[in-house]
Amino acid sequence: MIDLTWKIFSQTGNIETYLLMKELENDPDMTENESSDTNELPVDTKM
């Protein structure tokens, strides 16, 4: 899953995809079953 988000980020430069990848990296309890809903990207991107 992390490889997919990195590939999408590297091709698009979409910062929300990068943030999703980092969130997945930092959550050791995340499994494929729990991450099946990848259509939603993080909304809170305040700078």
PDB file of N, CA and C in Angstrom:
ATOM      1  N   MET A   1       0.828  -1.202   0.000  1.00  0.00           N
ATOM      2  CA  MET A   1       0.000   0.000   0.000  1.00  0.00           C
ATOM      3  C   MET A   1       0.866   1.258   0.000  1.00  0.00           C
ATOM      4  N   ILE A   2       1.940   1.227   0.782  1.00  0.00           N
ATOM      5  CA  ILE A   2       2.828   2.387   0.835  1.00  0.00           C
ATOM      6  C   ILE A   2       3.503   2.597  -0.518  1.00  0.00           C
ATOM      7  N   ASP A   3       3.857   1.498  -1.178  1.00  0.00           N
ATOM      8  CA  ASP A   3       4.478   1.614  -2.505  1.00  0.00           C
ATOM      9  C   ASP A   3       3.531   2.264  -3.501  1.00  0.00           C
ATOM     10  N   LEU A   4       2.262   1.923  -3.416  1.00  0.00           N
ATOM     11  CA  LEU A   4       1.265   2.507  -4.324  1.00  0.00           C
ATOM     12  C   LEU A   4       1.133   4.011  -4.091  1.00  0.00           C
ATOM     13  N   THR A   5       1.054   4.407  -2.824  1.00  0.00           N
ATOM     14  CA  THR A   5       0.914   5.838  -2.544  1.00  0.00           C
ATOM     15  C   THR A   5       2.172   6.598  -2.967  1.00  0.00           C
ATOM     16  N   TRP A   6       3.358   5.990  -2.809  1.00  0.00           N
ATOM     17  CA  TRP A   6       4.579   6.657  -3.255  1.00  0.00           C
ATOM     18  C   TRP A   6       4.582   6.810  -4.770  1.00  0.00           C
ATOM     19  N   LYS A   7       4.155   5.767  -5.487  1.00  0.00           N
ATOM     20  CA  LYS A   7       4.126   5.817  -6.947  1.00  0.00           C
ATOM     21  C   LYS A   7       3.178   6.924  -7.421  1.00  0.00           C
ATOM     22  N   ILE A   8       2.011   7.007  -6.795  1.00  0.00           N
ATOM     23  CA  ILE A   8       1.046   8.045  -7.167  1.00  0.00           C
ATOM     24  C   ILE A   8       1.633   9.429  -6.870  1.00  0.00           C
ATOM     25  N   PHE A   9       2.244   9.586  -5.690  1.00  0.00           N
ATOM     26  CA  PHE A   9       2.838  10.873  -5.334  1.00  0.00           C
ATOM     27  C   PHE A   9       3.956  11.252  -6.293  1.00  0.00           C
ATOM     28  N   SER A  10       4.827  10.308  -6.622  1.00  0.00           N
ATOM     29  CA  SER A  10       5.959  10.630  -7.487  1.00  0.00           C
ATOM     30  C   SER A  10       5.514  11.006  -8.896  1.00  0.00           C
ATOM     31  N   GLN A  11       4.368  10.477  -9.324  1.00  0.00           N
ATOM     32  CA  GLN A  11       3.870  10.804 -10.658  1.00  0.00           C
ATOM     33  C   GLN A  11       3.046  12.083 -10.687  1.00  0.00           C
ATOM     34  N   THR A  12       2.366  12.401  -9.581  1.00  0.00           N
ATOM     35  CA  THR A  12       1.458  13.545  -9.578  1.00  0.00           C
ATOM     36  C   THR A  12       1.958  14.732  -8.765  1.00  0.00           C
ATOM     37  N   GLY A  13       2.790  14.477  -7.756  1.00  0.00           N
ATOM     38  CA  GLY A  13       3.231  15.548  -6.870  1.00  0.00           C
ATOM     39  C   GLY A  13       2.154  15.976  -5.895  1.00  0.00           C
ATOM     40  N   ASN A  14       1.096  15.184  -5.757  1.00  0.00           N
ATOM     41  CA  ASN A  14      -0.033  15.510  -4.887  1.00  0.00           C
ATOM     42  C   ASN A  14       0.389  15.364  -3.426  1.00  0.00           C
ATOM     43  N   ILE A  15       0.409  16.487  -2.703  1.00  0.00           N
ATOM     44  CA  ILE A  15       0.868  16.484  -1.313  1.00  0.00           C
ATOM     45  C   ILE A  15      -0.050  15.657  -0.414  1.00  0.00           C
ATOM     46  N   GLU A  16      -1.335  15.598  -0.723  1.00  0.00           N
ATOM     47  CA  GLU A  16      -2.259  14.799   0.086  1.00  0.00           C
ATOM     48  C   GLU A  16      -1.925  13.313  -0.017  1.00  0.00           C
ATOM     49  N   THR A  17      -1.461  12.872  -1.174  1.00  0.00           N
ATOM     50  CA  THR A  17      -1.047  11.487  -1.331  1.00  0.00           C
ATOM     51  C   THR A  17       0.197  11.215  -0.496  1.00  0.00           C
ATOM     52  N   TYR A  18       1.124  12.165  -0.465  1.00  0.00           N
ATOM     53  CA  TYR A  18       2.329  12.030   0.358  1.00  0.00           C
ATOM     54  C   TYR A  18       1.955  11.945   1.840  1.00  0.00           C
ATOM     55  N   LEU A  19       1.045  12.798   2.270  1.00  0.00           N
ATOM     56  CA  LEU A  19       0.620  12.783   3.666  1.00  0.00           C
ATOM     57  C   LEU A  19      -0.064  11.465   4.018  1.00  0.00           C
ATOM     58  N   LEU A  20      -0.841  10.916   3.094  1.00  0.00           N
ATOM     59  CA  LEU A  20      -1.467   9.615   3.308  1.00  0.00           C
ATOM     60  C   LEU A  20      -0.393   8.545   3.467  1.00  0.00           C
ATOM     61  N   MET A  21       0.637   8.587   2.628  1.00  0.00           N
ATOM     62  CA  MET A  21       1.725   7.612   2.711  1.00  0.00           C
ATOM     63  C   MET A  21       2.405   7.703   4.079  1.00  0.00           C
ATOM     64  N   LYS A  22       2.680   8.903   4.539  1.00  0.00           N
ATOM     65  CA  LYS A  22       3.320   9.081   5.844  1.00  0.00           C
ATOM     66  C   LYS A  22       2.424   8.571   6.966  1.00  0.00           C
ATOM     67  N   GLU A  23       1.129   8.796   6.848  1.00  0.00           N
ATOM     68  CA  GLU A  23       0.187   8.310   7.849  1.00  0.00           C
ATOM     69  C   GLU A  23       0.197   6.780   7.885  1.00  0.00           C
ATOM     70  N   LEU A  24       0.246   6.159   6.733  1.00  0.00           N
ATOM     71  CA  LEU A  24       0.298   4.702   6.664  1.00  0.00           C
ATOM     72  C   LEU A  24       1.613   4.176   7.240  1.00  0.00           C
ATOM     73  N   GLU A  25       2.716   4.864   6.993  1.00  0.00           N
ATOM     74  CA  GLU A  25       4.010   4.448   7.537  1.00  0.00           C
ATOM     75  C   GLU A  25       4.033   4.527   9.045  1.00  0.00           C
ATOM     76  N   ASN A  26       3.377   5.512   9.613  1.00  0.00           N
ATOM     77  CA  ASN A  26       3.421   5.742  11.055  1.00  0.00           C
ATOM     78  C   ASN A  26       2.407   4.933  11.839  1.00  0.00           C
ATOM     79  N   ASP A  27       1.529   4.201  11.175  1.00  0.00           N
ATOM     80  CA  ASP A  27       0.495   3.423  11.855  1.00  0.00           C
ATOM     81  C   ASP A  27       0.797   1.930  11.697  1.00  0.00           C
ATOM     82  N   PRO A  28       1.523   1.334  12.654  1.00  0.00           N
ATOM     83  CA  PRO A  28       1.908  -0.073  12.531  1.00  0.00           C
ATOM     84  C   PRO A  28       0.722  -1.033  12.597  1.00  0.00           C
ATOM     85  N   ASP A  29      -0.422  -0.585  13.104  1.00  0.00           N
ATOM     86  CA  ASP A  29      -1.596  -1.447  13.196  1.00  0.00           C
ATOM     87  C   ASP A  29      -2.406  -1.477  11.908  1.00  0.00           C
ATOM     88  N   MET A  30      -2.039  -0.647  10.937  1.00  0.00           N
ATOM     89  CA  MET A  30      -2.782  -0.578   9.681  1.00  0.00           C
ATOM     90  C   MET A  30      -2.543  -1.859   8.881  1.00  0.00           C
ATOM     91  N   THR A  31      -3.643  -2.496   8.468  1.00  0.00           N
ATOM     92  CA  THR A  31      -3.536  -3.702   7.643  1.00  0.00           C
ATOM     93  C   THR A  31      -4.251  -3.453   6.333  1.00  0.00           C
ATOM     94  N   GLU A  32      -4.103  -4.358   5.384  1.00  0.00           N
ATOM     95  CA  GLU A  32      -4.773  -4.220   4.091  1.00  0.00           C
ATOM     96  C   GLU A  32      -6.282  -4.137   4.264  1.00  0.00           C
ATOM     97  N   ASN A  33      -6.858  -4.900   5.173  1.00  0.00           N
ATOM     98  CA  ASN A  33      -8.304  -4.878   5.379  1.00  0.00           C
ATOM     99  C   ASN A  33      -8.773  -3.525   5.884  1.00  0.00           C
ATOM    100  N   GLU A  34      -7.996  -2.909   6.763  1.00  0.00           N
ATOM    101  CA  GLU A  34      -8.388  -1.623   7.318  1.00  0.00           C
ATOM    102  C   GLU A  34      -8.155  -0.487   6.337  1.00  0.00           C
ATOM    103  N   SER A  35      -7.240  -0.656   5.395  1.00  0.00           N
ATOM    104  CA  SER A  35      -6.912   0.424   4.476  1.00  0.00           C
ATOM    105  C   SER A  35      -7.588   0.265   3.121  1.00  0.00           C
ATOM    106  N   SER A  36      -8.631  -0.549   3.048  1.00  0.00           N
ATOM    107  CA  SER A  36      -9.293  -0.781   1.768  1.00  0.00           C
ATOM    108  C   SER A  36     -10.021   0.461   1.262  1.00  0.00           C
ATOM    109  N   ASP A  37     -10.372   1.392   2.150  1.00  0.00           N
ATOM    110  CA  ASP A  37     -11.047   2.610   1.731  1.00  0.00           C
ATOM    111  C   ASP A  37     -10.016   3.702   1.475  1.00  0.00           C
ATOM    112  N   THR A  38      -9.339   3.623   0.327  1.00  0.00           N
ATOM    113  CA  THR A  38      -8.293   4.594   0.014  1.00  0.00           C
ATOM    114  C   THR A  38      -8.800   5.716  -0.872  1.00  0.00           C
ATOM    115  N   ASN A  39     -10.105   5.756  -1.114  1.00  0.00           N
ATOM    116  CA  ASN A  39     -10.659   6.820  -1.939  1.00  0.00           C
ATOM    117  C   ASN A  39     -10.674   8.141  -1.200  1.00  0.00           C
ATOM    118  N   GLU A  40     -10.615   8.094   0.135  1.00  0.00           N
ATOM    119  CA  GLU A  40     -10.624   9.315   0.929  1.00  0.00           C
ATOM    120  C   GLU A  40      -9.207   9.715   1.270  1.00  0.00           C
ATOM    121  N   LEU A  41      -8.829  10.916   0.899  1.00  0.00           N
ATOM    122  CA  LEU A  41      -7.541  11.446   1.264  1.00  0.00           C
ATOM    123  C   LEU A  41      -7.746  12.367   2.471  1.00  0.00           C
ATOM    124  N   PRO A  42      -6.699  12.565   3.258  1.00  0.00           N
ATOM    125  CA  PRO A  42      -6.849  13.452   4.412  1.00  0.00           C
ATOM    126  C   PRO A  42      -7.327  14.837   3.973  1.00  0.00           C
ATOM    127  N   VAL A  43      -8.275  15.380   4.713  1.00  0.00           N
ATOM    128  CA  VAL A  43      -8.862  16.665   4.354  1.00  0.00           C
ATOM    129  C   VAL A  43      -8.140  17.794   5.080  1.00  0.00           C
ATOM    130  N   ASP A  44      -7.628  17.530   6.259  1.00  0.00           N
ATOM    131  CA  ASP A  44      -6.997  18.556   7.070  1.00  0.00           C
ATOM    132  C   ASP A  44      -5.583  18.822   6.572  1.00  0.00           C
ATOM    133  N   THR A  45      -5.443  19.779   5.650  1.00  0.00           N
ATOM    134  CA  THR A  45      -4.126  20.112   5.086  1.00  0.00           C
ATOM    135  C   THR A  45      -3.809  21.588   5.319  1.00  0.00           C
ATOM    136  N   LYS A  46      -4.087  22.067   6.542  1.00  0.00           N
ATOM    137  CA  LYS A  46      -3.815  23.470   6.873  1.00  0.00           C
ATOM    138  C   LYS A  46      -2.316  23.712   6.909  1.00  0.00           C
ATOM    139  N   MET A  47      -1.919  24.864   6.447  1.00  0.00           N
ATOM    140  CA  MET A  47      -0.486  25.202   6.445  1.00  0.00           C
ATOM    141  C   MET A  47      -0.233  26.344   7.360  1.00  0.00           C
TER     142      MET A  47
END
